[in-house]
Amino acid sequence: MTDELQRLRAGALAGARTLRIAAGLETFPHEVFDLADTLEVLDLSGNHLSTLPDDLHRLHRLKVLFASANRFTELPTALGACAQLEMVGFKSNRITHVPAEALPPRLRWLILTDNAIAALPDALGDRHRLQKLMLAGNHLRALPGTLQRCASLELLRIAANRFDALPGWLAELPRLAWLAMGGNPFNEAAEARARSGHGAAQVGWSSLYVGEVLGEGASGRILAARLPSGAGQRDVAVKLFKGEVTSDGRPLSELAASLAAGRHPRLIPVLGRLNGHPDGTQGLVMERIPAAYRTLAGPPSFESCTRDIYPAGLRLPCDVALRIAADVASALAHLHGRGLAHGDLYAHNLLWRPDAPSGQACSLLGDFGAAAFAPPGPMGDAARRMDVRAFGVLLAELCDHAEGPLPDGARTLAGDCLAERPATRPDAAELAARTVPWAAA
């Protein structure tokens, strides 16, 4: 029994707004209802639960409920009666069925990653507040057509499913900006070609001097390493991919996109694909980024849902904000030219340095976890226009954090990218051209 569960049962958590219990629970602890007048966030991830009580709605202030890594085979219908519930997360369960009655009326953010769902109810399209829908790693071949009524939908993760094509109506969603679609039948052949190693350097594990862990994300760990180079050694980073499905899709899709992206001065340079790991682990060897670079923002919070969280009080000199935008536009045009969509163009996936000398990268675009080969034809163009909308969000944020007078064209370009008629947005090549003067600001 965990300390949190003991404290709950002892009545020591009165007034709590957040409760997290991972204690091998097989039944819902009814003492939770003692917190009904205050509880807003309930996290029951990492237990052995398969049901929730029918009277869950007694938690009348509940806004967020996580129950990932449990044993649910159906999304509980009790959720649908929770009047204030906005965020629902049931990742890595055994869910095959999503009843219409399980969808809360105020739903904004639904996470059903890594389950076995083959179909979703039409009622999902009636949740007009829906902004974030995360469905990677399921058995979906289609989405309910009613979702095209969800004009507020901004982020969609349908990677690692069974789609033979993207639904055509996705191209018309006015605010969709972040789409993960890799690892589906329509782009599996392109991914396989990219991973086959044609034109990509190979770096042997035995040639690396591997050091400490630099970081760890959903798709893998990043290790410090040194690679022999001429008469000396060069500092590199090694990303070792995990095998599990992440919120963005399969790590092997990220590997394929990273290799296909090729070289560009505003992307984190990939030196080659790792081979010969003793456990057969897939990986990439990349340039080690100097410590002067740091992440521009943090990822979205429960409250912000789809918007990054910038450091409090951050003010960017106007020329720095413009250079960041120009760097990203250049990188995005390069990716689109190579048949890729980034799918996760966010400030939290940018590294930047405020003191970058003129002519050097002020920022570097990374994290290819949601990147994918865009399908040919109109839907590929639609996926790229989604990236352009994401760029518009980023540019507007950069303008808001800029210190000093901005050129008139900055907010105009942001507005053009945010146009709710996707076909009227500029393409990435135009973005790069319109931001060229900013690169030398």
Protein backbone atom coordinates (compact mmCIF):
# COMPACT_ATOMS: atom_id res chain seq x y z
CA MET A 1 0.00 0.00 0.00
CA THR A 2 1.43 3.36 -1.00
CA ASP A 3 1.71 6.28 1.38
CA GLU A 4 -0.88 8.22 -0.66
CA LEU A 5 -3.45 5.44 -0.35
CA GLN A 6 -2.76 5.13 3.38
CA ARG A 7 -3.19 8.87 3.84
CA LEU A 8 -6.43 8.80 1.84
CA ARG A 9 -7.86 6.01 4.00
CA ALA A 10 -6.75 7.82 7.14
CA GLY A 11 -8.62 10.97 6.08
CA ALA A 12 -5.39 12.97 5.83
CA LEU A 13 -6.04 14.32 2.31
CA ALA A 14 -9.09 16.46 3.02
CA GLY A 15 -9.25 19.39 0.61
CA ALA A 16 -6.94 17.80 -1.96
CA ARG A 17 -7.37 18.94 -5.56
CA THR A 18 -5.00 16.32 -7.02
CA LEU A 19 -4.70 12.63 -6.13
CA ARG A 20 -2.31 10.06 -7.60
CA ILE A 21 -2.37 6.41 -6.51
CA ALA A 22 -0.36 3.56 -8.04
CA ALA A 23 -0.69 0.69 -5.60
CA GLY A 24 -1.76 -2.35 -7.56
CA LEU A 25 -5.43 -1.44 -7.07
CA GLU A 26 -7.98 -3.96 -8.38
CA THR A 27 -10.99 -1.97 -7.21
CA PHE A 28 -11.68 1.74 -7.04
CA PRO A 29 -10.98 3.10 -3.52
CA HIS A 30 -14.31 4.56 -2.42
CA GLU A 31 -12.57 6.87 0.04
CA VAL A 32 -11.90 9.03 -3.04
CA PHE A 33 -15.51 10.23 -2.79
CA ASP A 34 -14.59 11.93 0.49
CA LEU A 35 -12.74 14.46 -1.70
CA ALA A 36 -15.74 15.14 -3.97
CA ASP A 37 -15.97 18.82 -3.09
CA THR A 38 -12.37 19.60 -4.07
CA LEU A 39 -10.87 16.89 -6.30
CA GLU A 40 -10.07 18.07 -9.84
CA VAL A 41 -7.27 15.73 -11.00
CA LEU A 42 -7.36 11.97 -10.37
CA ASP A 43 -4.51 9.76 -11.61
CA LEU A 44 -4.99 6.02 -11.16
CA SER A 45 -2.39 4.95 -13.72
CA GLY A 46 -0.31 1.85 -13.10
CA ASN A 47 -2.88 -0.25 -11.26
CA HIS A 48 -4.92 -3.37 -12.10
CA LEU A 49 -8.30 -1.70 -12.54
CA SER A 50 -10.85 -2.88 -15.10
CA THR A 51 -13.95 -0.93 -13.98
CA LEU A 52 -14.92 2.39 -12.43
CA PRO A 53 -17.93 2.91 -10.14
CA ASP A 54 -21.22 3.86 -11.82
CA ASP A 55 -21.56 6.84 -9.48
CA LEU A 56 -18.22 8.40 -10.49
CA HIS A 57 -20.17 11.57 -11.27
CA ARG A 58 -20.28 12.24 -7.52
CA LEU A 59 -16.80 13.69 -8.07
CA HIS A 60 -18.59 16.77 -9.36
CA ARG A 61 -15.44 18.95 -9.70
CA LEU A 62 -13.36 16.34 -11.53
CA LYS A 63 -11.68 17.78 -14.65
CA VAL A 64 -8.86 15.31 -15.36
CA LEU A 65 -8.82 11.52 -15.04
CA PHE A 66 -5.88 9.29 -15.95
CA ALA A 67 -6.10 5.51 -15.83
CA SER A 68 -3.24 4.44 -18.09
CA ALA A 69 -1.55 1.04 -17.79
CA ASN A 70 -4.51 -0.71 -16.22
CA ARG A 71 -6.72 -3.58 -17.45
CA PHE A 72 -9.72 -1.84 -18.98
CA THR A 73 -11.22 -3.51 -22.05
CA GLU A 74 -13.90 -0.85 -22.50
CA LEU A 75 -13.86 2.89 -21.88
CA PRO A 76 -16.07 3.13 -18.78
CA THR A 77 -19.53 4.58 -19.40
CA ALA A 78 -19.34 6.22 -15.96
CA LEU A 79 -17.11 8.88 -17.48
CA GLY A 80 -19.92 10.23 -19.61
CA ALA A 81 -21.90 11.40 -16.58
CA CYS A 82 -19.03 13.51 -15.20
CA ALA A 83 -20.23 17.00 -16.01
CA GLN A 84 -16.89 18.85 -15.60
CA LEU A 85 -14.54 16.17 -16.98
CA GLU A 86 -12.38 17.59 -19.80
CA MET A 87 -9.30 15.37 -20.03
CA VAL A 88 -9.46 11.57 -20.17
CA GLY A 89 -6.37 9.35 -20.47
CA PHE A 90 -6.57 5.55 -20.85
CA LYS A 91 -3.26 4.82 -22.56
CA SER A 92 -1.88 1.25 -22.66
CA ASN A 93 -4.92 -0.66 -21.52
CA ARG A 94 -6.73 -3.42 -23.43
CA ILE A 95 -9.59 -1.33 -24.73
CA THR A 96 -11.49 -2.64 -27.74
CA HIS A 97 -14.78 -0.79 -27.29
CA VAL A 98 -15.53 2.93 -26.83
CA PRO A 99 -19.24 3.40 -26.04
CA ALA A 100 -20.84 6.69 -26.99
CA GLU A 101 -22.08 6.96 -23.39
CA ALA A 102 -18.47 7.07 -22.13
CA LEU A 103 -17.73 10.48 -23.68
CA PRO A 104 -18.05 13.39 -21.21
CA PRO A 105 -19.98 16.41 -22.54
CA ARG A 106 -17.09 18.85 -21.94
CA LEU A 107 -14.37 16.63 -23.43
CA ARG A 108 -11.33 18.56 -24.69
CA TRP A 109 -8.50 16.03 -24.58
CA LEU A 110 -8.88 12.27 -25.12
CA ILE A 111 -5.93 9.87 -24.88
CA LEU A 112 -6.53 6.29 -26.03
CA THR A 113 -3.00 5.53 -27.23
CA ASP A 114 -1.80 1.90 -27.36
CA ASN A 115 -5.02 -0.05 -27.11
CA ALA A 116 -6.88 -2.33 -29.57
CA ILE A 117 -9.65 -0.01 -30.78
CA ALA A 118 -11.01 -0.72 -34.27
CA ALA A 119 -13.84 1.82 -34.34
CA LEU A 120 -14.99 4.98 -32.59
CA PRO A 121 -18.57 6.14 -32.00
CA ASP A 122 -20.19 8.81 -34.16
CA ALA A 123 -20.99 10.66 -30.93
CA LEU A 124 -17.36 11.78 -30.78
CA GLY A 125 -18.24 14.38 -33.40
CA ASP A 126 -20.73 15.93 -30.97
CA ARG A 127 -17.95 16.88 -28.55
CA HIS A 128 -17.44 20.31 -30.08
CA ARG A 129 -14.87 21.41 -27.46
CA LEU A 130 -12.51 18.59 -28.52
CA GLN A 131 -9.01 19.98 -29.16
CA LYS A 132 -6.68 17.00 -28.70
CA LEU A 133 -7.34 13.41 -29.82
CA MET A 134 -4.59 10.84 -29.31
CA LEU A 135 -5.22 7.46 -30.94
CA ALA A 136 -1.79 6.14 -31.97
CA GLY A 137 -1.21 2.41 -31.69
CA ASN A 138 -4.71 1.05 -32.27
CA HIS A 139 -6.50 -0.95 -35.02
CA LEU A 140 -8.32 1.92 -36.70
CA ARG A 141 -8.95 1.88 -40.45
CA ALA A 142 -11.26 4.90 -40.42
CA LEU A 143 -12.45 7.77 -38.25
CA PRO A 144 -16.09 8.69 -37.73
CA GLY A 145 -17.06 11.23 -40.37
CA THR A 146 -18.81 13.22 -37.67
CA LEU A 147 -15.40 14.37 -36.45
CA GLN A 148 -15.38 16.91 -39.27
CA ARG A 149 -17.85 18.83 -37.10
CA CYS A 150 -15.13 19.28 -34.45
CA ALA A 151 -13.91 22.67 -35.65
CA SER A 152 -11.82 23.13 -32.48
CA LEU A 153 -9.69 20.02 -33.09
CA GLU A 154 -6.03 21.09 -33.20
CA LEU A 155 -3.98 17.95 -32.53
CA LEU A 156 -4.65 14.46 -33.89
CA ARG A 157 -2.48 11.37 -33.40
CA ILE A 158 -3.48 8.44 -35.66
CA ALA A 159 -0.01 6.95 -36.24
CA ALA A 160 0.57 3.19 -36.01
CA ASN A 161 -2.95 2.23 -37.03
CA ARG A 162 -4.33 0.56 -40.19
CA PHE A 163 -5.26 3.48 -42.44
CA ASP A 164 -4.90 2.86 -46.17
CA ALA A 165 -5.48 6.60 -46.71
CA LEU A 166 -6.16 9.73 -44.72
CA PRO A 167 -9.83 10.77 -44.49
CA GLY A 168 -10.34 13.51 -47.08
CA TRP A 169 -12.27 15.74 -44.72
CA LEU A 170 -9.18 16.21 -42.53
CA ALA A 171 -8.00 18.69 -45.16
CA GLU A 172 -10.88 21.02 -44.26
CA LEU A 173 -10.56 21.09 -40.48
CA PRO A 174 -9.87 24.79 -39.82
CA ARG A 175 -7.58 24.53 -36.78
CA LEU A 176 -5.83 21.18 -37.17
CA ALA A 177 -2.10 21.93 -36.86
CA TRP A 178 -0.42 18.87 -35.35
CA LEU A 179 -0.96 15.51 -37.09
CA ALA A 180 0.92 12.26 -36.42
CA MET A 181 0.23 9.71 -39.18
CA GLY A 182 3.34 7.52 -39.59
CA GLY A 183 3.34 3.74 -39.43
CA ASN A 184 0.13 3.27 -41.40
CA PRO A 185 -0.17 1.15 -44.57
CA PHE A 186 -0.22 4.23 -46.82
CA ASN A 187 3.31 5.25 -45.80
CA GLU A 188 4.89 1.99 -44.58
CA ALA A 189 6.71 1.40 -47.90
CA ALA A 190 8.36 4.84 -47.77
CA GLU A 191 9.43 4.24 -44.17
CA ALA A 192 10.90 0.86 -45.04
CA ARG A 193 12.94 2.40 -47.87
CA ALA A 194 14.27 5.09 -45.55
CA ARG A 195 15.30 2.53 -42.94
CA SER A 196 16.96 0.25 -45.47
CA GLY A 197 20.07 2.41 -45.29
CA HIS A 198 20.33 3.59 -48.88
CA GLY A 199 22.54 6.65 -48.78
CA ALA A 200 22.67 6.68 -44.99
CA ALA A 201 25.93 6.26 -43.11
CA GLN A 202 26.26 3.41 -40.62
CA VAL A 203 27.96 3.90 -37.25
CA GLY A 204 29.03 0.78 -35.38
CA TRP A 205 28.27 0.50 -31.67
CA SER A 206 31.75 -0.91 -31.09
CA SER A 207 33.33 2.25 -32.47
CA LEU A 208 31.62 4.47 -29.90
CA TYR A 209 32.80 5.38 -26.41
CA VAL A 210 29.43 5.65 -24.68
CA GLY A 211 29.00 7.82 -21.59
CA GLU A 212 26.21 9.19 -19.43
CA VAL A 213 22.51 9.56 -20.17
CA LEU A 214 21.76 13.05 -21.49
CA GLY A 215 18.00 12.70 -21.52
CA GLU A 216 15.07 10.38 -21.99
CA GLY A 217 11.81 10.85 -23.85
CA ALA A 218 8.82 8.79 -24.88
CA SER A 219 10.62 7.19 -27.82
CA GLY A 220 14.06 6.55 -26.38
CA ARG A 221 17.13 7.49 -24.37
CA ILE A 222 19.86 9.86 -25.50
CA LEU A 223 23.42 9.04 -24.40
CA ALA A 224 26.60 11.04 -24.55
CA ALA A 225 29.29 9.36 -26.65
CA ARG A 226 32.57 9.99 -28.43
CA LEU A 227 33.37 8.88 -31.94
CA PRO A 228 36.88 8.53 -33.36
CA SER A 229 37.50 11.26 -35.91
CA GLY A 230 40.84 11.65 -37.65
CA ALA A 231 43.56 11.75 -35.02
CA GLY A 232 41.11 12.52 -32.21
CA GLN A 233 37.51 12.10 -31.14
CA ARG A 234 34.34 14.09 -31.61
CA ASP A 235 31.48 14.48 -29.17
CA VAL A 236 28.23 12.91 -30.39
CA ALA A 237 24.86 11.88 -29.00
CA VAL A 238 23.32 8.44 -29.46
CA LYS A 239 19.57 7.98 -29.44
CA LEU A 240 18.51 4.44 -28.55
CA PHE A 241 14.92 3.80 -29.54
CA LYS A 242 12.43 1.97 -27.37
CA GLY A 243 10.16 -0.64 -28.86
CA GLU A 244 6.85 0.55 -27.43
CA VAL A 245 4.24 2.67 -29.11
CA THR A 246 4.45 6.28 -27.95
CA SER A 247 1.83 9.02 -28.08
CA ASP A 248 3.26 9.98 -31.49
CA GLY A 249 3.47 6.45 -32.94
CA ARG A 250 6.21 3.87 -33.41
CA PRO A 251 9.86 4.77 -32.77
CA LEU A 252 10.82 3.06 -36.06
CA SER A 253 8.72 5.66 -37.89
CA GLU A 254 10.74 8.37 -36.16
CA LEU A 255 13.95 6.62 -37.19
CA ALA A 256 12.80 6.52 -40.82
CA ALA A 257 11.83 10.20 -40.86
CA SER A 258 15.08 11.24 -39.19
CA LEU A 259 17.11 9.44 -41.86
CA ALA A 260 14.97 10.77 -44.70
CA ALA A 261 15.25 14.36 -43.49
CA GLY A 262 18.89 14.56 -44.59
CA ARG A 263 21.19 17.46 -43.75
CA HIS A 264 20.09 21.03 -43.17
CA PRO A 265 21.84 23.70 -41.07
CA ARG A 266 18.67 24.30 -39.01
CA LEU A 267 18.09 20.64 -38.15
CA ILE A 268 19.98 18.65 -35.51
CA PRO A 269 22.55 16.84 -37.69
CA VAL A 270 22.22 13.06 -38.00
CA LEU A 271 25.59 11.40 -38.61
CA GLY A 272 24.24 7.93 -39.30
CA ARG A 273 22.22 4.96 -38.25
CA LEU A 274 23.51 2.89 -35.36
CA ASN A 275 24.31 -0.75 -36.07
CA GLY A 276 25.72 -3.60 -34.05
CA HIS A 277 24.09 -2.81 -30.70
CA PRO A 278 24.49 -5.94 -28.55
CA ASP A 279 20.75 -6.11 -27.86
CA GLY A 280 19.76 -5.33 -31.44
CA THR A 281 18.44 -1.92 -30.37
CA GLN A 282 17.78 0.55 -33.17
CA GLY A 283 19.39 3.96 -32.89
CA LEU A 284 20.77 7.13 -34.42
CA VAL A 285 24.10 8.88 -33.96
CA MET A 286 23.81 12.67 -33.98
CA GLU A 287 25.96 15.71 -33.48
CA ARG A 288 26.20 16.72 -29.81
CA ILE A 289 24.50 20.09 -29.48
CA PRO A 290 26.54 22.67 -27.53
CA ALA A 291 25.35 23.43 -24.02
CA ALA A 292 24.64 27.04 -25.05
CA TYR A 293 21.46 25.83 -26.75
CA ARG A 294 18.36 25.41 -24.63
CA THR A 295 14.71 24.53 -25.15
CA LEU A 296 12.59 27.51 -26.10
CA ALA A 297 9.47 26.52 -24.13
CA GLY A 298 7.87 23.74 -22.15
CA PRO A 299 5.11 21.47 -23.50
CA PRO A 300 1.41 22.28 -23.02
CA SER A 301 -0.16 21.93 -19.59
CA PHE A 302 -3.57 20.51 -18.68
CA GLU A 303 -4.96 24.03 -18.79
CA SER A 304 -3.29 25.23 -22.00
CA CYS A 305 -4.07 21.92 -23.77
CA THR A 306 -2.44 22.74 -27.13
CA ARG A 307 -0.26 25.74 -26.31
CA ASP A 308 3.31 25.64 -25.04
CA ILE A 309 4.33 27.13 -21.72
CA TYR A 310 7.09 29.73 -22.02
CA PRO A 311 9.33 30.71 -19.10
CA ALA A 312 7.74 33.42 -16.99
CA GLY A 313 8.86 36.85 -18.06
CA LEU A 314 10.67 35.65 -21.19
CA ARG A 315 11.47 38.56 -23.49
CA LEU A 316 13.28 37.93 -26.78
CA PRO A 317 15.16 40.70 -28.53
CA CYS A 318 13.26 41.40 -31.71
CA ASP A 319 16.13 40.29 -33.95
CA VAL A 320 16.42 36.97 -32.06
CA ALA A 321 12.68 36.25 -32.36
CA LEU A 322 12.85 36.95 -36.10
CA ARG A 323 15.91 34.76 -36.59
CA ILE A 324 14.24 31.86 -34.78
CA ALA A 325 11.23 32.18 -37.09
CA ALA A 326 13.46 32.32 -40.18
CA ASP A 327 15.43 29.26 -39.06
CA VAL A 328 12.25 27.25 -38.55
CA ALA A 329 10.76 28.34 -41.87
CA SER A 330 13.92 27.27 -43.67
CA ALA A 331 13.98 23.88 -41.92
CA LEU A 332 10.29 23.30 -42.63
CA ALA A 333 10.69 24.09 -46.33
CA HIS A 334 13.54 21.59 -46.46
CA LEU A 335 11.45 18.84 -44.82
CA HIS A 336 8.48 19.46 -47.09
CA GLY A 337 10.78 19.36 -50.09
CA ARG A 338 11.87 15.87 -49.04
CA GLY A 339 8.30 14.61 -48.79
CA LEU A 340 7.98 14.84 -45.00
CA ALA A 341 5.56 16.55 -42.66
CA HIS A 342 6.91 17.35 -39.20
CA GLY A 343 3.64 16.90 -37.33
CA ASP A 344 4.83 18.44 -34.05
CA LEU A 345 6.14 21.91 -34.87
CA TYR A 346 6.25 23.46 -31.41
CA ALA A 347 8.52 25.73 -29.39
CA HIS A 348 9.20 22.83 -27.02
CA ASN A 349 10.85 21.03 -29.94
CA LEU A 350 13.20 23.93 -30.66
CA LEU A 351 16.67 24.47 -29.26
CA TRP A 352 17.88 28.06 -29.37
CA ARG A 353 20.81 30.18 -28.27
CA PRO A 354 20.47 33.91 -27.74
CA ASP A 355 24.10 34.67 -28.57
CA ALA A 356 24.37 32.86 -31.92
CA PRO A 357 26.75 34.76 -34.21
CA SER A 358 25.34 36.10 -37.46
CA GLY A 359 25.18 33.37 -40.08
CA GLN A 360 24.93 30.55 -37.53
CA ALA A 361 21.75 28.80 -36.42
CA CYS A 362 19.89 30.72 -33.76
CA SER A 363 17.59 27.71 -33.42
CA LEU A 364 17.48 24.03 -34.33
CA LEU A 365 14.33 22.04 -35.03
CA GLY A 366 14.28 18.57 -33.50
CA ASP A 367 12.00 15.75 -32.33
CA PHE A 368 10.82 13.72 -35.31
CA GLY A 369 8.54 11.53 -33.20
CA ALA A 370 5.45 12.65 -35.11
CA ALA A 371 7.17 13.21 -38.47
CA ALA A 372 5.92 11.17 -41.38
CA PHE A 373 6.04 10.75 -45.13
CA ALA A 374 3.14 12.75 -46.52
CA PRO A 375 0.94 10.82 -48.93
CA PRO A 376 0.99 11.97 -52.56
CA GLY A 377 -1.71 14.27 -53.84
CA PRO A 378 -4.12 16.58 -52.03
CA MET A 379 -3.85 14.91 -48.62
CA GLY A 380 -0.09 15.31 -48.61
CA ASP A 381 -0.55 18.99 -49.35
CA ALA A 382 -3.12 19.17 -46.54
CA ALA A 383 -0.65 17.66 -44.07
CA ARG A 384 1.94 20.25 -45.05
CA ARG A 385 -0.58 23.08 -44.63
CA MET A 386 -1.16 21.80 -41.09
CA ASP A 387 2.55 22.28 -40.42
CA VAL A 388 2.18 25.80 -41.79
CA ARG A 389 -0.61 26.53 -39.31
CA ALA A 390 1.65 25.24 -36.52
CA PHE A 391 4.32 27.65 -37.77
CA GLY A 392 1.73 30.43 -37.55
CA VAL A 393 1.06 29.56 -33.89
CA LEU A 394 4.80 29.62 -33.19
CA LEU A 395 5.33 32.91 -35.03
CA ALA A 396 2.48 34.56 -33.14
CA GLU A 397 4.03 33.39 -29.86
CA LEU A 398 7.43 34.72 -30.90
CA CYS A 399 5.84 38.08 -31.72
CA ASP A 400 4.15 38.14 -28.31
CA HIS A 401 7.49 37.53 -26.57
CA ALA A 402 9.53 39.90 -28.74
CA GLU A 403 10.99 43.06 -27.26
CA GLY A 404 11.20 45.99 -29.62
CA PRO A 405 9.39 46.99 -32.82
CA LEU A 406 8.53 44.14 -35.17
CA PRO A 407 8.31 44.55 -38.94
CA ASP A 408 4.75 44.85 -40.19
CA GLY A 409 5.15 41.61 -42.10
CA ALA A 410 5.66 39.46 -38.98
CA ARG A 411 2.12 39.44 -37.63
CA THR A 412 0.74 39.53 -41.16
CA LEU A 413 2.59 36.32 -41.98
CA ALA A 414 1.37 34.72 -38.75
CA GLY A 415 -2.20 35.60 -39.69
CA ASP A 416 -1.77 34.17 -43.18
CA CYS A 417 -0.53 30.88 -41.71
CA LEU A 418 -3.43 30.72 -39.25
CA ALA A 419 -6.09 31.13 -41.93
CA GLU A 420 -8.98 28.80 -41.15
CA ARG A 421 -9.35 27.90 -44.83
CA PRO A 422 -6.29 25.64 -45.12
CA ALA A 423 -5.99 26.00 -48.89
CA THR A 424 -5.37 29.75 -48.54
CA ARG A 425 -2.31 29.36 -46.31
CA PRO A 426 1.13 29.92 -47.85
CA ASP A 427 3.32 26.88 -48.41
CA ALA A 428 6.61 26.38 -46.58
CA ALA A 429 8.67 27.56 -49.53
CA GLU A 430 6.85 30.89 -49.37
CA LEU A 431 7.43 31.04 -45.61
CA ALA A 432 11.15 30.59 -46.15
CA ALA A 433 11.21 33.27 -48.83
CA ARG A 434 9.23 35.79 -46.76
CA THR A 435 11.49 35.30 -43.72
CA VAL A 436 14.85 35.50 -45.56
CA PRO A 437 15.37 39.15 -44.49
CA TRP A 438 14.84 38.12 -40.85
CA ALA A 439 17.66 35.58 -40.94
CA ALA A 440 20.22 38.38 -41.05
CA ALA A 441 18.41 40.60 -38.55
